[in-house]
Amino acid sequence: MKKSVSSRIRITKTGKIIRGKMGTRHCGSRKTSTTKRRKKITHRIAGVDTSAIRGEMAKKNFKK
């Protein structure tokens, strides 16, 4: 089952964003090129999302 992008991104209490890493988990041959490609795509989406989240967090912090 494919995880949603939001579940891949986690915001810590300090406001840092932890993203699911795009590793081949020790064994590159076990993972097919399709899974690698899919992971790359999710990573790219996550990159866009994080910038949006960062902006939102900055706005919230700015109000205080």
PDB file of N, CA and C in Angstrom:
ATOM      1  N   MET A   1       0.838  -1.203   0.000  1.00  0.00           N
ATOM      2  CA  MET A   1       0.000   0.000   0.000  1.00  0.00           C
ATOM      3  C   MET A   1       0.873   1.253   0.000  1.00  0.00           C
ATOM      4  N   LYS A   2       0.532   2.180  -0.852  1.00  0.00           N
ATOM      5  CA  LYS A   2       1.339   3.386  -0.973  1.00  0.00           C
ATOM      6  C   LYS A   2       0.935   4.394   0.092  1.00  0.00           C
ATOM      7  N   LYS A   3       1.939   4.905   0.763  1.00  0.00           N
ATOM      8  CA  LYS A   3       1.649   5.908   1.791  1.00  0.00           C
ATOM      9  C   LYS A   3       1.350   7.243   1.133  1.00  0.00           C
ATOM     10  N   SER A   4       0.559   8.055   1.799  1.00  0.00           N
ATOM     11  CA  SER A   4       0.306   9.384   1.263  1.00  0.00           C
ATOM     12  C   SER A   4       1.507  10.273   1.565  1.00  0.00           C
ATOM     13  N   VAL A   5       1.595  11.363   0.853  1.00  0.00           N
ATOM     14  CA  VAL A   5       2.737  12.260   1.014  1.00  0.00           C
ATOM     15  C   VAL A   5       2.758  12.859   2.412  1.00  0.00           C
ATOM     16  N   SER A   6       1.575  13.174   2.932  1.00  0.00           N
ATOM     17  CA  SER A   6       1.515  13.806   4.251  1.00  0.00           C
ATOM     18  C   SER A   6       2.073  12.895   5.335  1.00  0.00           C
ATOM     19  N   SER A   7       1.892  11.580   5.164  1.00  0.00           N
ATOM     20  CA  SER A   7       2.416  10.661   6.172  1.00  0.00           C
ATOM     21  C   SER A   7       3.925  10.518   6.060  1.00  0.00           C
ATOM     22  N   ARG A   8       4.471  10.869   4.883  1.00  0.00           N
ATOM     23  CA  ARG A   8       5.918  10.799   4.705  1.00  0.00           C
ATOM     24  C   ARG A   8       6.615  11.983   5.360  1.00  0.00           C
ATOM     25  N   ILE A   9       5.906  13.112   5.467  1.00  0.00           N
ATOM     26  CA  ILE A   9       6.515  14.315   6.034  1.00  0.00           C
ATOM     27  C   ILE A   9       6.107  14.447   7.487  1.00  0.00           C
ATOM     28  N   ARG A  10       7.079  14.711   8.337  1.00  0.00           N
ATOM     29  CA  ARG A  10       6.768  14.885   9.746  1.00  0.00           C
ATOM     30  C   ARG A  10       7.364  16.197  10.215  1.00  0.00           C
ATOM     31  N   ILE A  11       6.587  16.981  10.932  1.00  0.00           N
ATOM     32  CA  ILE A  11       7.096  18.241  11.459  1.00  0.00           C
ATOM     33  C   ILE A  11       7.401  18.049  12.939  1.00  0.00           C
ATOM     34  N   THR A  12       8.631  18.364  13.326  1.00  0.00           N
ATOM     35  CA  THR A  12       9.022  18.224  14.725  1.00  0.00           C
ATOM     36  C   THR A  12       8.553  19.438  15.512  1.00  0.00           C
ATOM     37  N   LYS A  13       8.720  19.363  16.819  1.00  0.00           N
ATOM     38  CA  LYS A  13       8.277  20.466  17.673  1.00  0.00           C
ATOM     39  C   LYS A  13       9.028  21.753  17.369  1.00  0.00           C
ATOM     40  N   THR A  14      10.285  21.623  16.954  1.00  0.00           N
ATOM     41  CA  THR A  14      11.091  22.813  16.668  1.00  0.00           C
ATOM     42  C   THR A  14      10.790  23.395  15.290  1.00  0.00           C
ATOM     43  N   GLY A  15       9.946  22.692  14.512  1.00  0.00           N
ATOM     44  CA  GLY A  15       9.589  23.208  13.189  1.00  0.00           C
ATOM     45  C   GLY A  15      10.441  22.642  12.074  1.00  0.00           C
ATOM     46  N   LYS A  16      11.300  21.684  12.414  1.00  0.00           N
ATOM     47  CA  LYS A  16      12.099  21.040  11.375  1.00  0.00           C
ATOM     48  C   LYS A  16      11.214  20.029  10.657  1.00  0.00           C
ATOM     49  N   ILE A  17      11.511  19.802   9.390  1.00  0.00           N
ATOM     50  CA  ILE A  17      10.713  18.853   8.627  1.00  0.00           C
ATOM     51  C   ILE A  17      11.541  17.606   8.347  1.00  0.00           C
ATOM     52  N   ILE A  18      11.026  16.474   8.765  1.00  0.00           N
ATOM     53  CA  ILE A  18      11.712  15.215   8.508  1.00  0.00           C
ATOM     54  C   ILE A  18      10.984  14.521   7.373  1.00  0.00           C
ATOM     55  N   ARG A  19      11.728  14.217   6.321  1.00  0.00           N
ATOM     56  CA  ARG A  19      11.135  13.580   5.159  1.00  0.00           C
ATOM     57  C   ARG A  19      11.581  12.130   5.103  1.00  0.00           C
ATOM     58  N   GLY A  20      10.753  11.276   4.528  1.00  0.00           N
ATOM     59  CA  GLY A  20      11.150   9.883   4.323  1.00  0.00           C
ATOM     60  C   GLY A  20      12.315   9.849   3.358  1.00  0.00           C
ATOM     61  N   LYS A  21      13.415   9.233   3.747  1.00  0.00           N
ATOM     62  CA  LYS A  21      14.613   9.220   2.911  1.00  0.00           C
ATOM     63  C   LYS A  21      14.398   8.333   1.687  1.00  0.00           C
ATOM     64  N   MET A  22      15.152   8.612   0.632  1.00  0.00           N
ATOM     65  CA  MET A  22      14.986   7.878  -0.608  1.00  0.00           C
ATOM     66  C   MET A  22      16.138   6.902  -0.806  1.00  0.00           C
ATOM     67  N   GLY A  23      16.391   6.020   0.160  1.00  0.00           N
ATOM     68  CA  GLY A  23      17.500   5.079   0.049  1.00  0.00           C
ATOM     69  C   GLY A  23      17.056   3.779  -0.592  1.00  0.00           C
ATOM     70  N   THR A  24      18.023   2.959  -0.980  1.00  0.00           N
ATOM     71  CA  THR A  24      17.682   1.648  -1.526  1.00  0.00           C
ATOM     72  C   THR A  24      17.705   0.593  -0.420  1.00  0.00           C
ATOM     73  N   ARG A  25      17.787   1.022   0.822  1.00  0.00           N
ATOM     74  CA  ARG A  25      17.767   0.120   1.981  1.00  0.00           C
ATOM     75  C   ARG A  25      18.791  -1.014   1.845  1.00  0.00           C
ATOM     76  N   HIS A  26      20.037  -0.665   1.788  1.00  0.00           N
ATOM     77  CA  HIS A  26      21.186  -1.583   1.795  1.00  0.00           C
ATOM     78  C   HIS A  26      21.396  -2.347   0.489  1.00  0.00           C
ATOM     79  N   CYS A  27      20.340  -2.853  -0.101  1.00  0.00           N
ATOM     80  CA  CYS A  27      20.523  -3.707  -1.272  1.00  0.00           C
ATOM     81  C   CYS A  27      19.859  -3.088  -2.492  1.00  0.00           C
ATOM     82  N   GLY A  28      20.671  -2.580  -3.406  1.00  0.00           N
ATOM     83  CA  GLY A  28      20.134  -1.910  -4.583  1.00  0.00           C
ATOM     84  C   GLY A  28      19.514  -2.871  -5.577  1.00  0.00           C
ATOM     85  N   SER A  29      20.051  -4.090  -5.654  1.00  0.00           N
ATOM     86  CA  SER A  29      19.566  -5.037  -6.660  1.00  0.00           C
ATOM     87  C   SER A  29      18.164  -5.547  -6.326  1.00  0.00           C
ATOM     88  N   ARG A  30      17.826  -5.539  -5.058  1.00  0.00           N
ATOM     89  CA  ARG A  30      16.525  -6.052  -4.651  1.00  0.00           C
ATOM     90  C   ARG A  30      15.407  -5.129  -5.115  1.00  0.00           C
ATOM     91  N   LYS A  31      15.718  -3.842  -5.165  1.00  0.00           N
ATOM     92  CA  LYS A  31      14.691  -2.884  -5.581  1.00  0.00           C
ATOM     93  C   LYS A  31      14.733  -2.705  -7.090  1.00  0.00           C
ATOM     94  N   THR A  32      13.590  -2.790  -7.711  1.00  0.00           N
ATOM     95  CA  THR A  32      13.551  -2.607  -9.156  1.00  0.00           C
ATOM     96  C   THR A  32      13.604  -1.125  -9.485  1.00  0.00           C
ATOM     97  N   SER A  33      13.862  -0.833 -10.746  1.00  0.00           N
ATOM     98  CA  SER A  33      13.984   0.567 -11.159  1.00  0.00           C
ATOM     99  C   SER A  33      12.657   1.299 -11.006  1.00  0.00           C
ATOM    100  N   THR A  34      11.547   0.565 -11.109  1.00  0.00           N
ATOM    101  CA  THR A  34      10.240   1.222 -10.989  1.00  0.00           C
ATOM    102  C   THR A  34      10.024   1.749  -9.583  1.00  0.00           C
ATOM    103  N   THR A  35      10.406   0.956  -8.591  1.00  0.00           N
ATOM    104  CA  THR A  35      10.222   1.432  -7.216  1.00  0.00           C
ATOM    105  C   THR A  35      11.118   2.634  -6.962  1.00  0.00           C
ATOM    106  N   LYS A  36      12.332   2.587  -7.495  1.00  0.00           N
ATOM    107  CA  LYS A  36      13.237   3.720  -7.328  1.00  0.00           C
ATOM    108  C   LYS A  36      12.627   4.973  -7.943  1.00  0.00           C
ATOM    109  N   ARG A  37      12.050   4.785  -9.145  1.00  0.00           N
ATOM    110  CA  ARG A  37      11.450   5.925  -9.840  1.00  0.00           C
ATOM    111  C   ARG A  37      10.280   6.473  -9.029  1.00  0.00           C
ATOM    112  N   ARG A  38       9.439   5.558  -8.515  1.00  0.00           N
ATOM    113  CA  ARG A  38       8.283   5.988  -7.740  1.00  0.00           C
ATOM    114  C   ARG A  38       8.722   6.760  -6.504  1.00  0.00           C
ATOM    115  N   LYS A  39       9.786   6.257  -5.863  1.00  0.00           N
ATOM    116  CA  LYS A  39      10.286   6.936  -4.672  1.00  0.00           C
ATOM    117  C   LYS A  39      10.798   8.323  -5.031  1.00  0.00           C
ATOM    118  N   LYS A  40      11.470   8.430  -6.177  1.00  0.00           N
ATOM    119  CA  LYS A  40      11.980   9.724  -6.621  1.00  0.00           C
ATOM    120  C   LYS A  40      10.839  10.715  -6.791  1.00  0.00           C
ATOM    121  N   ILE A  41       9.761  10.244  -7.412  1.00  0.00           N
ATOM    122  CA  ILE A  41       8.609  11.108  -7.659  1.00  0.00           C
ATOM    123  C   ILE A  41       8.006  11.576  -6.340  1.00  0.00           C
ATOM    124  N   THR A  42       7.830  10.657  -5.402  1.00  0.00           N
ATOM    125  CA  THR A  42       7.246  11.034  -4.113  1.00  0.00           C
ATOM    126  C   THR A  42       8.148  12.033  -3.415  1.00  0.00           C
ATOM    127  N   HIS A  43       9.449  11.843  -3.583  1.00  0.00           N
ATOM    128  CA  HIS A  43      10.420  12.739  -2.964  1.00  0.00           C
ATOM    129  C   HIS A  43      10.255  14.143  -3.536  1.00  0.00           C
ATOM    130  N   ARG A  44      10.065  14.182  -4.862  1.00  0.00           N
ATOM    131  CA  ARG A  44       9.919  15.472  -5.528  1.00  0.00           C
ATOM    132  C   ARG A  44       8.657  16.176  -5.040  1.00  0.00           C
ATOM    133  N   ILE A  45       7.565  15.434  -4.927  1.00  0.00           N
ATOM    134  CA  ILE A  45       6.310  16.001  -4.441  1.00  0.00           C
ATOM    135  C   ILE A  45       6.511  16.513  -3.022  1.00  0.00           C
ATOM    136  N   ALA A  46       7.200  15.704  -2.217  1.00  0.00           N
ATOM    137  CA  ALA A  46       7.449  16.075  -0.829  1.00  0.00           C
ATOM    138  C   ALA A  46       8.227  17.380  -0.764  1.00  0.00           C
ATOM    139  N   GLY A  47       9.173  17.559  -1.687  1.00  0.00           N
ATOM    140  CA  GLY A  47       9.973  18.783  -1.720  1.00  0.00           C
ATOM    141  C   GLY A  47       9.100  20.008  -1.921  1.00  0.00           C
ATOM    142  N   VAL A  48       8.124  19.899  -2.797  1.00  0.00           N
ATOM    143  CA  VAL A  48       7.208  21.014  -3.051  1.00  0.00           C
ATOM    144  C   VAL A  48       6.356  21.267  -1.816  1.00  0.00           C
ATOM    145  N   ASP A  49       5.840  20.189  -1.246  1.00  0.00           N
ATOM    146  CA  ASP A  49       4.965  20.298  -0.085  1.00  0.00           C
ATOM    147  C   ASP A  49       5.676  20.936   1.098  1.00  0.00           C
ATOM    148  N   THR A  50       6.936  20.560   1.308  1.00  0.00           N
ATOM    149  CA  THR A  50       7.656  21.073   2.474  1.00  0.00           C
ATOM    150  C   THR A  50       7.811  22.585   2.398  1.00  0.00           C
ATOM    151  N   SER A  51       8.075  23.096   1.202  1.00  0.00           N
ATOM    152  CA  SER A  51       8.239  24.544   1.071  1.00  0.00           C
ATOM    153  C   SER A  51       6.935  25.255   1.409  1.00  0.00           C
ATOM    154  N   ALA A  52       5.819  24.657   1.008  1.00  0.00           N
ATOM    155  CA  ALA A  52       4.511  25.238   1.316  1.00  0.00           C
ATOM    156  C   ALA A  52       4.252  25.198   2.816  1.00  0.00           C
ATOM    157  N   ILE A  53       4.576  24.058   3.422  1.00  0.00           N
ATOM    158  CA  ILE A  53       4.372  23.908   4.864  1.00  0.00           C
ATOM    159  C   ILE A  53       5.250  24.898   5.618  1.00  0.00           C
ATOM    160  N   ARG A  54       6.503  25.015   5.183  1.00  0.00           N
ATOM    161  CA  ARG A  54       7.432  25.963   5.816  1.00  0.00           C
ATOM    162  C   ARG A  54       6.869  27.373   5.784  1.00  0.00           C
ATOM    163  N   GLY A  55       6.317  27.749   4.630  1.00  0.00           N
ATOM    164  CA  GLY A  55       5.734  29.085   4.488  1.00  0.00           C
ATOM    165  C   GLY A  55       4.585  29.290   5.448  1.00  0.00           C
ATOM    166  N   GLU A  56       3.738  28.278   5.562  1.00  0.00           N
ATOM    167  CA  GLU A  56       2.600  28.354   6.487  1.00  0.00           C
ATOM    168  C   GLU A  56       3.084  28.494   7.922  1.00  0.00           C
ATOM    169  N   MET A  57       4.088  27.712   8.271  1.00  0.00           N
ATOM    170  CA  MET A  57       4.621  27.748   9.636  1.00  0.00           C
ATOM    171  C   MET A  57       5.247  29.105   9.928  1.00  0.00           C
ATOM    172  N   ALA A  58       5.923  29.656   8.930  1.00  0.00           N
ATOM    173  CA  ALA A  58       6.549  30.966   9.100  1.00  0.00           C
ATOM    174  C   ALA A  58       5.484  32.029   9.356  1.00  0.00           C
ATOM    175  N   LYS A  59       4.377  31.927   8.632  1.00  0.00           N
ATOM    176  CA  LYS A  59       3.273  32.879   8.829  1.00  0.00           C
ATOM    177  C   LYS A  59       2.714  32.768  10.240  1.00  0.00           C
ATOM    178  N   LYS A  60       2.510  31.523  10.683  1.00  0.00           N
ATOM    179  CA  LYS A  60       1.961  31.302  12.019  1.00  0.00           C
ATOM    180  C   LYS A  60       2.889  31.859  13.090  1.00  0.00           C
ATOM    181  N   ASN A  61       4.185  31.613  12.907  1.00  0.00           N
ATOM    182  CA  ASN A  61       5.162  32.096  13.881  1.00  0.00           C
ATOM    183  C   ASN A  61       5.266  33.618  13.857  1.00  0.00           C
ATOM    184  N   PHE A  62       5.020  34.180  12.681  1.00  0.00           N
ATOM    185  CA  PHE A  62       5.129  35.629  12.525  1.00  0.00           C
ATOM    186  C   PHE A  62       4.036  36.359  13.303  1.00  0.00           C
ATOM    187  N   LYS A  63       2.867  35.735  13.405  1.00  0.00           N
ATOM    188  CA  LYS A  63       1.739  36.366  14.104  1.00  0.00           C
ATOM    189  C   LYS A  63       1.997  36.520  15.599  1.00  0.00           C
ATOM    190  N   LYS A  64       2.772  35.600  16.163  1.00  0.00           N
ATOM    191  CA  LYS A  64       2.979  35.598  17.618  1.00  0.00           C
ATOM    192  C   LYS A  64       3.668  36.852  18.121  1.00  0.00           C
TER     193      LYS A  64
END
